[in-house]
Every structure is written in C-alpha cells, then in structure tokens.
Amino acid sequence: MVLASFLVVLSFGQGLVILTGGLDLSLPALITLGGVLAASFTAPGGVDGWAILPVVICLCAAIGFLTALGVVWLKVPPFIMTMATSIIIASAALGMTKGTPRGTSPDALLWLMKSHVFGVPLPVIFLLFFVGAGWLIQSRSTLGRYLHAVGTNAEAARIAGLPVFPALVAPYVISAACAGFVGMMLVGYSNGATLRMGDSYMLPSIAAVVIGGSSILGGSGSFLGTVGGAILLTTLGTIISAIGMQIGVRTIIEG
C-alpha cells in the first residue's frame, strides 16, 4: 500500500485529465521537478520544513496552468502540448542540477513517508484520506459533474451554460500538482532525488486509469476504479520483483 500510494496520487490527476478527453505526458518530468526542488531546499543555504510542500506544489500547479492554456486556449493537442512541457521541464531540471541533483530529503517528508501511527505506516493513513477526498471530488462534487459533462460533449456542455474553460483547465493544474507532490513523496521515501525518478510512472499512470474502467476518450470514469488499477499494477510489479524476474518482463506483462 505504501508503494501504491505514489501511483494512486499520480493517477488521480491523470484520471481527471483523461475524463475530459485529454492526456498528460508531462507527469514524469513534473515528478522529477518536484523531487529535485524538494531535495535542493536541504542543500547548504536551503530551507527545511513544511513550507517546502506548498511552494513546490504551487510551482508545479502553475506549470500545469500554462500547459492547460496551450491546450484549451491555443488549441494545441494535449499529446503535443504535454510532451513539449515535459521536454522543457526535464531540460530545465538538467540545467539546474548540472546532471547531479544535490541535497537530501527534508525532515517533513521523511516524517510523512517513514512515520507510523499505532503501528500503521503514515503513508497508508494518508492514502485512505486521499482516496476519500479524490472520490468526493471526481464523483460527488460540482467540478466532477462538470468534468464528466465536458468529457462527454464539450459543445453540448457549453450550450448548456457550463463553465467549459475552467473545467478543461482545472484537471491539468490538479494533475501537475499531484505529480509534484509524488516527486516529494519519492524523495521522502528514498531520501534523495534523481533526474529519472519519474520515468517509470508514465505508462502506469495511464494504465491504472484505463484498467479502473475509465474511457480513454473521456466522459466516464471512477476514481475508486483507478485506485484498484493502481494497486493491481503495484502488486504485480512487487511480485515480479520478489520472484526475481527482469524489469522487461514486468513491462511486457503490464502491456
């Protein structure tokens, strides 16, 4: 469940984007950015504390907002726009770190990922609250209903008077924020950041959503189904690693 928490958080944002008929390929780069920034705060001259979390999340959300403007306002296809964002962010992270991220995990992230409450890992408790909040947002909130409507037929939603522009922008902002937070979670879990730390999460973030029953064309989906897909893929990967099979076999089975 601790290992699944990364994919669950990431797939929530990806699921909202897919719900509107889009696709976010910038998540691996945003994971790396979140992790690199969180670790860099602990380098000499940096700041260590809870203030790191909102700063990094807001920065990633701002990048998601710019990506959404490209998709919604400039009419760039999501596949192209998010890929361009990914390349820009990955290149910026490479230049910022000069190829070697420095620093270690902030104490706040270590506490989040390593602590236990009554013998239960804190990430599992966090995951339960996150799943509940995610389910309410996607299935029971006004925003969730707007996303379903826009994903089914954006023009019909516009004629019906729904706020189509905000409904199309919000998923990319939330997805980017989730990716940045996953990057920080990974730093807290492994006590360090790398420039490739998000690469392995691209296809699983999409697969978890689709396996969970969401339509890749948009308009329908359930976050609880996505959670099930994420746990299934994580369990599969854990079993494959435990019995000593190669990573290539895991990729084949996931495909």
Protein backbone atom coordinates (compact mmCIF):
# COMPACT_ATOMS: atom_id res chain seq x y z
CA MET A 1 0.00 0.00 0.00
CA VAL A 2 2.91 2.36 0.67
CA LEU A 3 4.33 1.67 -2.79
CA ALA A 4 0.87 2.01 -4.34
CA SER A 5 0.38 5.45 -2.77
CA PHE A 6 2.67 7.08 -5.35
CA LEU A 7 0.70 5.71 -8.29
CA VAL A 8 -2.69 6.39 -6.69
CA VAL A 9 -1.90 10.09 -6.15
CA LEU A 10 -0.45 10.43 -9.65
CA SER A 11 -3.32 8.58 -11.31
CA PHE A 12 -5.90 10.83 -9.67
CA GLY A 13 -4.64 13.81 -11.64
CA GLN A 14 -4.14 11.78 -14.80
CA GLY A 15 -7.66 10.40 -14.42
CA LEU A 16 -9.18 13.89 -14.29
CA VAL A 17 -7.33 14.86 -17.47
CA ILE A 18 -8.45 11.67 -19.23
CA LEU A 19 -12.00 12.30 -18.01
CA THR A 20 -12.07 15.45 -20.16
CA GLY A 21 -10.68 13.59 -23.17
CA GLY A 22 -7.08 14.76 -22.70
CA LEU A 23 -3.80 13.09 -21.80
CA ASP A 24 -0.93 14.35 -19.64
CA LEU A 25 2.54 13.20 -20.73
CA SER A 26 4.36 15.77 -18.61
CA LEU A 27 3.93 13.84 -15.34
CA PRO A 28 7.38 12.15 -15.24
CA ALA A 29 9.15 15.49 -15.70
CA LEU A 30 6.95 17.13 -13.05
CA ILE A 31 7.71 14.29 -10.62
CA THR A 32 11.40 14.89 -11.21
CA LEU A 33 10.98 18.64 -10.78
CA GLY A 34 9.10 18.20 -7.50
CA GLY A 35 11.72 15.82 -6.18
CA VAL A 36 14.70 17.89 -7.28
CA LEU A 37 13.26 21.08 -5.81
CA ALA A 38 12.38 19.40 -2.52
CA ALA A 39 15.87 17.95 -2.21
CA SER A 40 17.56 21.21 -3.20
CA PHE A 41 15.90 23.01 -0.29
CA THR A 42 18.00 20.92 2.09
CA ALA A 43 21.27 21.79 0.34
CA PRO A 44 23.53 24.38 2.03
CA GLY A 45 21.67 27.67 2.18
CA GLY A 46 18.30 25.99 1.68
CA VAL A 47 15.23 25.83 3.88
CA ASP A 48 14.00 22.72 5.65
CA GLY A 49 10.39 22.48 6.82
CA TRP A 50 6.73 22.21 5.91
CA ALA A 51 6.97 25.42 3.84
CA ILE A 52 8.60 23.34 1.10
CA LEU A 53 5.40 21.46 0.28
CA PRO A 54 3.12 24.36 -0.74
CA VAL A 55 5.93 26.14 -2.60
CA VAL A 56 6.72 23.14 -4.81
CA ILE A 57 3.06 22.20 -5.29
CA CYS A 58 2.13 25.76 -6.30
CA LEU A 59 5.03 25.93 -8.77
CA CYS A 60 4.01 22.64 -10.39
CA ALA A 61 0.37 23.76 -10.46
CA ALA A 62 1.43 26.97 -12.23
CA ILE A 63 3.20 24.89 -14.87
CA GLY A 64 0.05 22.81 -15.26
CA PHE A 65 -1.94 26.02 -15.74
CA LEU A 66 0.36 27.15 -18.56
CA THR A 67 0.05 23.72 -20.16
CA ALA A 68 -3.73 23.95 -19.92
CA LEU A 69 -3.72 27.34 -21.61
CA GLY A 70 -1.84 25.81 -24.51
CA VAL A 71 -4.39 23.02 -24.79
CA VAL A 72 -7.58 25.00 -24.21
CA TRP A 73 -6.74 28.49 -25.47
CA LEU A 74 -4.22 27.80 -28.24
CA LYS A 75 -5.93 24.54 -29.25
CA VAL A 76 -2.68 22.55 -29.21
CA PRO A 77 -3.47 18.80 -28.98
CA PRO A 78 -2.90 17.56 -25.40
CA PHE A 79 -0.46 14.90 -26.58
CA ILE A 80 1.77 17.53 -28.21
CA MET A 81 1.40 20.23 -25.56
CA THR A 82 2.16 17.99 -22.57
CA MET A 83 5.07 16.37 -24.39
CA ALA A 84 6.52 19.82 -25.08
CA THR A 85 6.05 20.74 -21.41
CA SER A 86 7.82 17.53 -20.40
CA ILE A 87 10.82 18.28 -22.60
CA ILE A 88 11.10 21.85 -21.30
CA ILE A 89 10.86 20.84 -17.64
CA ALA A 90 13.28 17.93 -17.99
CA SER A 91 15.79 20.19 -19.74
CA ALA A 92 15.40 22.88 -17.08
CA ALA A 93 15.94 20.33 -14.29
CA LEU A 94 19.04 19.05 -16.06
CA GLY A 95 20.45 22.55 -16.39
CA MET A 96 19.57 23.48 -12.81
CA THR A 97 21.26 20.43 -11.31
CA LYS A 98 24.07 20.15 -13.89
CA GLY A 99 23.20 16.46 -14.10
CA THR A 100 23.58 15.73 -10.39
CA PRO A 101 20.74 16.63 -8.00
CA ARG A 102 22.04 17.65 -4.59
CA GLY A 103 20.56 17.59 -1.15
CA THR A 104 18.58 15.04 0.83
CA SER A 105 15.01 14.68 1.97
CA PRO A 106 13.57 17.43 4.17
CA ASP A 107 12.58 16.30 7.65
CA ALA A 108 8.91 16.95 6.91
CA LEU A 109 8.94 14.49 4.00
CA LEU A 110 10.88 11.91 6.00
CA TRP A 111 8.22 12.16 8.71
CA LEU A 112 5.41 11.79 6.17
CA MET A 113 6.88 8.71 4.47
CA LYS A 114 8.63 6.95 7.37
CA SER A 115 6.41 7.51 10.42
CA HIS A 116 3.89 5.10 11.93
CA VAL A 117 0.68 5.77 13.84
CA PHE A 118 -0.36 2.89 16.13
CA GLY A 119 1.80 0.59 14.03
CA VAL A 120 0.25 1.70 10.72
CA PRO A 121 2.54 3.44 8.20
CA LEU A 122 1.57 7.10 7.89
CA PRO A 123 1.52 6.93 4.06
CA VAL A 124 -1.26 4.33 4.28
CA ILE A 125 -3.33 6.59 6.53
CA PHE A 126 -2.68 9.49 4.16
CA LEU A 127 -3.70 7.28 1.24
CA LEU A 128 -7.06 6.47 2.84
CA PHE A 129 -7.85 10.18 3.31
CA PHE A 130 -6.64 10.98 -0.20
CA VAL A 131 -8.79 8.27 -1.78
CA GLY A 132 -11.84 9.55 0.10
CA ALA A 133 -11.20 13.13 -0.97
CA GLY A 134 -10.45 12.10 -4.55
CA TRP A 135 -13.66 10.08 -4.77
CA LEU A 136 -15.70 13.03 -3.48
CA ILE A 137 -14.10 15.41 -5.99
CA GLN A 138 -14.48 13.17 -9.03
CA SER A 139 -17.85 11.57 -8.30
CA ARG A 140 -19.75 13.82 -5.91
CA SER A 141 -18.61 17.41 -6.46
CA THR A 142 -19.78 20.09 -8.87
CA LEU A 143 -16.35 20.05 -10.50
CA GLY A 144 -16.63 16.31 -11.05
CA ARG A 145 -20.01 16.69 -12.75
CA TYR A 146 -18.62 19.45 -14.97
CA LEU A 147 -15.68 17.23 -15.97
CA HIS A 148 -17.99 14.35 -16.88
CA ALA A 149 -20.17 16.67 -18.95
CA VAL A 150 -17.28 18.33 -20.77
CA GLY A 151 -15.63 14.98 -21.44
CA THR A 152 -18.83 13.59 -22.92
CA ASN A 153 -19.53 16.56 -25.20
CA ALA A 154 -17.79 19.89 -24.68
CA GLU A 155 -20.02 21.74 -27.15
CA ALA A 156 -23.21 20.48 -25.52
CA ALA A 157 -21.82 21.50 -22.13
CA ARG A 158 -21.08 24.97 -23.47
CA ILE A 159 -24.60 25.34 -24.88
CA ALA A 160 -25.99 24.19 -21.53
CA GLY A 161 -24.17 27.09 -19.86
CA LEU A 162 -21.48 25.13 -18.04
CA PRO A 163 -18.08 26.81 -17.42
CA VAL A 164 -16.20 24.78 -20.02
CA PHE A 165 -12.93 26.75 -19.93
CA PRO A 166 -12.31 26.34 -16.17
CA ALA A 167 -13.44 22.71 -16.36
CA LEU A 168 -10.82 21.98 -19.03
CA VAL A 169 -8.05 23.91 -17.25
CA ALA A 170 -8.54 22.52 -13.72
CA PRO A 171 -7.55 18.89 -14.48
CA TYR A 172 -4.12 19.89 -15.83
CA VAL A 173 -3.49 22.09 -12.79
CA ILE A 174 -4.50 19.33 -10.38
CA SER A 175 -2.54 16.72 -12.34
CA ALA A 176 0.64 18.81 -12.24
CA ALA A 177 0.22 19.47 -8.52
CA CYS A 178 -0.24 15.74 -7.86
CA ALA A 179 2.88 14.92 -9.88
CA GLY A 180 4.95 17.44 -7.94
CA PHE A 181 3.70 16.01 -4.66
CA VAL A 182 4.54 12.46 -5.81
CA GLY A 183 8.07 13.68 -6.51
CA MET A 184 8.33 14.92 -2.94
CA MET A 185 6.87 11.68 -1.62
CA LEU A 186 9.54 9.74 -3.50
CA VAL A 187 12.26 11.96 -2.03
CA GLY A 188 10.91 11.28 1.45
CA TYR A 189 10.78 7.55 0.72
CA SER A 190 14.26 7.22 -0.81
CA ASN A 191 15.95 10.22 0.88
CA GLY A 192 17.18 11.63 -2.42
CA ALA A 193 16.29 12.72 -5.94
CA THR A 194 17.42 11.65 -9.41
CA LEU A 195 16.77 13.07 -12.86
CA ARG A 196 14.98 9.88 -13.96
CA MET A 197 12.86 9.30 -10.87
CA GLY A 198 9.57 9.88 -12.68
CA ASP A 199 10.22 7.94 -15.88
CA SER A 200 8.73 4.64 -14.70
CA TYR A 201 5.37 6.24 -13.85
CA MET A 202 4.28 7.43 -17.30
CA LEU A 203 2.51 4.35 -18.67
CA PRO A 204 1.32 3.03 -15.27
CA SER A 205 -0.46 6.33 -14.57
CA ILE A 206 -2.47 5.87 -17.77
CA ALA A 207 -2.87 2.11 -17.36
CA ALA A 208 -4.25 2.44 -13.82
CA VAL A 209 -6.95 4.81 -15.06
CA VAL A 210 -7.93 2.61 -18.02
CA ILE A 211 -7.77 -0.66 -16.06
CA GLY A 212 -10.01 1.02 -13.49
CA GLY A 213 -12.76 1.35 -16.10
CA SER A 214 -12.34 4.91 -17.34
CA SER A 215 -12.83 5.65 -21.01
CA ILE A 216 -9.65 6.87 -22.71
CA LEU A 217 -11.94 9.05 -24.87
CA GLY A 218 -13.29 10.87 -21.80
CA GLY A 219 -16.72 11.30 -20.29
CA SER A 220 -16.74 8.37 -17.87
CA GLY A 221 -14.56 7.13 -15.06
CA SER A 222 -14.39 6.27 -11.37
CA PHE A 223 -11.53 7.16 -9.04
CA LEU A 224 -12.19 4.06 -6.94
CA GLY A 225 -11.67 2.02 -10.09
CA THR A 226 -8.42 3.91 -10.71
CA VAL A 227 -7.29 3.10 -7.17
CA GLY A 228 -7.95 -0.57 -7.85
CA GLY A 229 -5.95 -0.37 -11.07
CA ALA A 230 -3.03 1.29 -9.29
CA ILE A 231 -2.99 -1.32 -6.53
CA LEU A 232 -3.18 -4.12 -9.10
CA LEU A 233 -0.21 -2.76 -11.09
CA THR A 234 1.82 -2.15 -7.92
CA THR A 235 1.11 -5.64 -6.61
CA LEU A 236 2.06 -7.09 -9.98
CA GLY A 237 5.36 -5.22 -10.01
CA THR A 238 6.11 -6.23 -6.41
CA ILE A 239 5.50 -9.91 -7.14
CA ILE A 240 7.65 -9.80 -10.27
CA SER A 241 10.50 -8.19 -8.31
CA ALA A 242 10.11 -10.64 -5.42
CA ILE A 243 10.47 -13.72 -7.62
CA GLY A 244 13.47 -12.24 -9.42
CA MET A 245 12.02 -11.64 -12.88
CA GLN A 246 13.59 -8.95 -15.04
CA ILE A 247 12.10 -5.47 -15.39
CA GLY A 248 11.49 -6.14 -19.08
CA VAL A 249 9.11 -8.96 -18.19
CA ARG A 250 7.17 -6.56 -15.97
CA THR A 251 6.81 -4.12 -18.85
CA ILE A 252 5.62 -6.88 -21.16
CA ILE A 253 3.01 -8.08 -18.66
CA GLU A 254 1.79 -4.55 -18.00
CA GLY A 255 1.46 -4.00 -21.76
